[in-house]
Amino acid sequence: MGNLGPTELIIIAVVIILLFGAKKLPDMARSLGKSAKIFKAETKGLRDSDSDDTPVQPQQPVQQPVQQLPPAQPPVQQQPQVAPPIEQTAQNKATNN
């Protein structure tokens, strides 16, 4: 099952060409190559920065100054706002009765 013969590889290649089209395959391969090149350069940069001759000093935690907040004030009791009473006009009184 793990071994792919030439017949299986040809079938896979034909299916890929049918799915993606012959025009898109070179563009896809080119972009894949660029991505691999960038990835390789980044991993090399990380390895180089890790293997520098300068010893890494452990960082001490930075103490941030404590902010002094003003003392809490008691909440102010607000009176509920009530709408003024609606005055009934003579016309409204006639329709309500």
Protein backbone atom coordinates (compact mmCIF):
# COMPACT_ATOMS: atom_id res chain seq x y z
CA MET A 1 0.00 0.00 0.00
CA GLY A 2 2.83 2.41 0.81
CA ASN A 3 4.64 1.91 -2.51
CA LEU A 4 3.38 3.91 -5.46
CA GLY A 5 4.22 2.49 -8.83
CA PRO A 6 4.59 4.41 -12.09
CA THR A 7 0.97 3.73 -13.03
CA GLU A 8 -0.36 5.27 -9.82
CA LEU A 9 1.94 8.31 -10.20
CA ILE A 10 0.73 8.89 -13.77
CA ILE A 11 -2.91 8.67 -12.64
CA ILE A 12 -2.23 11.15 -9.80
CA ALA A 13 -0.47 13.55 -12.23
CA VAL A 14 -3.39 13.39 -14.69
CA VAL A 15 -5.91 14.06 -11.93
CA ILE A 16 -3.89 17.07 -10.70
CA ILE A 17 -3.62 18.48 -14.22
CA LEU A 18 -7.36 18.03 -14.72
CA LEU A 19 -8.21 19.67 -11.41
CA PHE A 20 -5.91 22.67 -11.56
CA GLY A 21 -5.32 23.09 -15.27
CA ALA A 22 -1.99 23.15 -17.11
CA LYS A 23 -1.72 26.95 -17.00
CA LYS A 24 -1.96 27.26 -13.21
CA LEU A 25 0.55 24.54 -12.33
CA PRO A 26 3.73 26.57 -13.11
CA ASP A 27 2.39 29.54 -11.14
CA MET A 28 1.55 27.30 -8.20
CA ALA A 29 4.99 25.67 -8.29
CA ARG A 30 6.67 29.08 -8.48
CA SER A 31 4.76 30.44 -5.49
CA LEU A 32 5.46 27.24 -3.55
CA GLY A 33 9.18 27.63 -4.29
CA LYS A 34 9.16 31.26 -3.11
CA SER A 35 7.37 30.28 0.07
CA ALA A 36 9.90 27.52 0.76
CA LYS A 37 12.79 29.94 0.15
CA ILE A 38 11.35 32.50 2.57
CA PHE A 39 10.69 29.80 5.17
CA LYS A 40 14.25 28.49 4.87
CA ALA A 41 15.70 32.00 5.26
CA GLU A 42 13.58 32.68 8.34
CA THR A 43 14.52 29.42 10.04
CA LYS A 44 18.20 30.07 9.28
CA GLY A 45 17.85 33.53 10.81
CA LEU A 46 16.31 32.05 13.95
CA ARG A 47 19.11 29.50 14.25
CA ASP A 48 21.75 32.21 13.82
CA SER A 49 20.15 34.41 16.48
CA ASP A 50 19.99 31.45 18.88
CA SER A 51 23.65 30.55 18.43
CA ASP A 52 25.07 34.03 19.06
CA ASP A 53 28.15 34.18 21.28
CA THR A 54 26.54 36.62 23.68
CA PRO A 55 25.19 34.85 26.74
CA VAL A 56 21.55 35.37 27.42
CA GLN A 57 20.90 37.05 30.76
CA PRO A 58 17.75 36.04 32.56
CA GLN A 59 15.27 38.85 32.60
CA GLN A 60 14.10 40.07 35.95
CA PRO A 61 10.42 40.85 36.23
CA VAL A 62 9.74 44.54 35.84
CA GLN A 63 7.77 46.00 38.70
CA GLN A 64 5.21 48.45 37.52
CA PRO A 65 4.32 51.35 39.78
CA VAL A 66 1.12 50.94 41.72
CA GLN A 67 -1.49 53.46 40.69
CA GLN A 68 -3.23 55.23 43.52
CA LEU A 69 -6.92 55.57 42.84
CA PRO A 70 -9.01 58.24 44.56
CA PRO A 71 -11.20 56.94 47.37
CA ALA A 72 -14.53 55.63 46.27
CA GLN A 73 -17.43 58.01 46.69
CA PRO A 74 -20.80 56.72 47.81
CA PRO A 75 -23.30 56.53 44.97
CA VAL A 76 -25.62 59.48 44.70
CA GLN A 77 -29.28 58.57 45.13
CA GLN A 78 -31.23 60.00 42.24
CA GLN A 79 -34.92 60.59 42.46
CA PRO A 80 -36.85 58.65 39.82
CA GLN A 81 -38.05 60.92 37.09
CA VAL A 82 -41.79 60.89 36.68
CA ALA A 83 -43.54 62.35 33.71
CA PRO A 84 -45.94 65.18 34.50
CA PRO A 85 -49.60 64.21 34.49
CA ILE A 86 -51.39 64.52 31.21
CA GLU A 87 -54.13 67.07 31.21
CA GLN A 88 -57.29 65.90 29.65
CA THR A 89 -58.88 68.27 27.25
CA ALA A 90 -62.58 68.48 26.67
CA GLN A 91 -62.21 66.46 23.47
CA ASN A 92 -60.33 63.66 25.26
CA LYS A 93 -62.90 63.56 28.03
CA ALA A 94 -65.67 63.14 25.49
CA THR A 95 -63.92 60.23 23.74
CA ASN A 96 -63.06 58.47 27.00
CA ASN A 97 -66.62 58.53 28.32
